[in-house]
Amino acid sequence: LSGLDPAQPYFQDTPIEVRLDKSDAEFVDVIHTDSAPTIPYLGFGMSTAIGHLDFYPNGGVEMPGCDKNAISQIVDLDGIWEGTRDFVACNHLRSYKYYSDSIIYPDGFLGYPCASYDVFDSDNCFPCPEGGCPNMGHFADKFKGKFKADFTKFYLNTGEAKDFPLWRYKVSVTLSGKSKQRGYVNIALYGEDGNTRQHQIVQGALKPDNTYVKFIDAEVNIGTITKVKFLWNNNWLNPTFPKLGAATVTVESGENR
């Protein structure tokens, strides 16, 4: 039984007889996409973990792409009716759109077990545990019985628009060079199954021998990595032509470690 952002008003913190609960089926998975308090933030969805597996994409409160202005959202590619619905209840409706995409991407939407979304960007929640991470949506039931805790929360990020799944990698870059510079470092990943766009790893002071770490959520599952592209830019024309390189770049896939 899959709960797609189960309703908060009149249901949250009520007895289990009148709302969705893990006792309602052998396996209950829940996607929370609009769990801000109803008052004053008009959140439609429940924030409480109530299933065997509870997924909180993007933290479960504000979904990427739902902050478009009213005109661009209402005059939508899917038509004015769809656009108006999305404007009024965009976060709430993301749950079924993620579920739809999960049918098409059985390897997507990996949910990482974590204490909260605030610590999601830390080594405490990466990579997946030995038994793997469940896939939010249609294929969540593959993990039936694998997590024994009373309530287990899973966190992940999604894209702003269809196609929504993202694949998580941890990138560590150790710089090489002769002097400290300012600017930014970008990394692009190339693999047997696809390539990513450039993702910014660090911006500001760039110091040789320092290691900079960033989690990136890539728009494609690249498979086995074949190449890494390193780019740095100091944002201004420097007649001394400073040089900065990468001594090492380490990439770890969240899915298979």
Foldseek 3Di string as FASTA:
>chain_A
DEAQQWFDPPPEPDDCVVGDAQVPDLFYEYEAQACDDCPPPNGGGHPDFGTQEYECEVQRHHAAQLPDDLVDQCPDPVHNVRSVVCNVHVRSVVRVVQQVLCVVPVPFQFWFFDPGPVCCFDVVGFAHPPVFTAHPHDRNCVCRPVDDDPGTYTYYYFDNDPVTTWFKKKKKFAKAFDAKAFWWKWKKWAAPQGIFDIDTQDGTIDGHRDMTMGMDTGPDDRPHTDDMDMDTDRPDDDPVPGDMGTPDMDMDTSGND
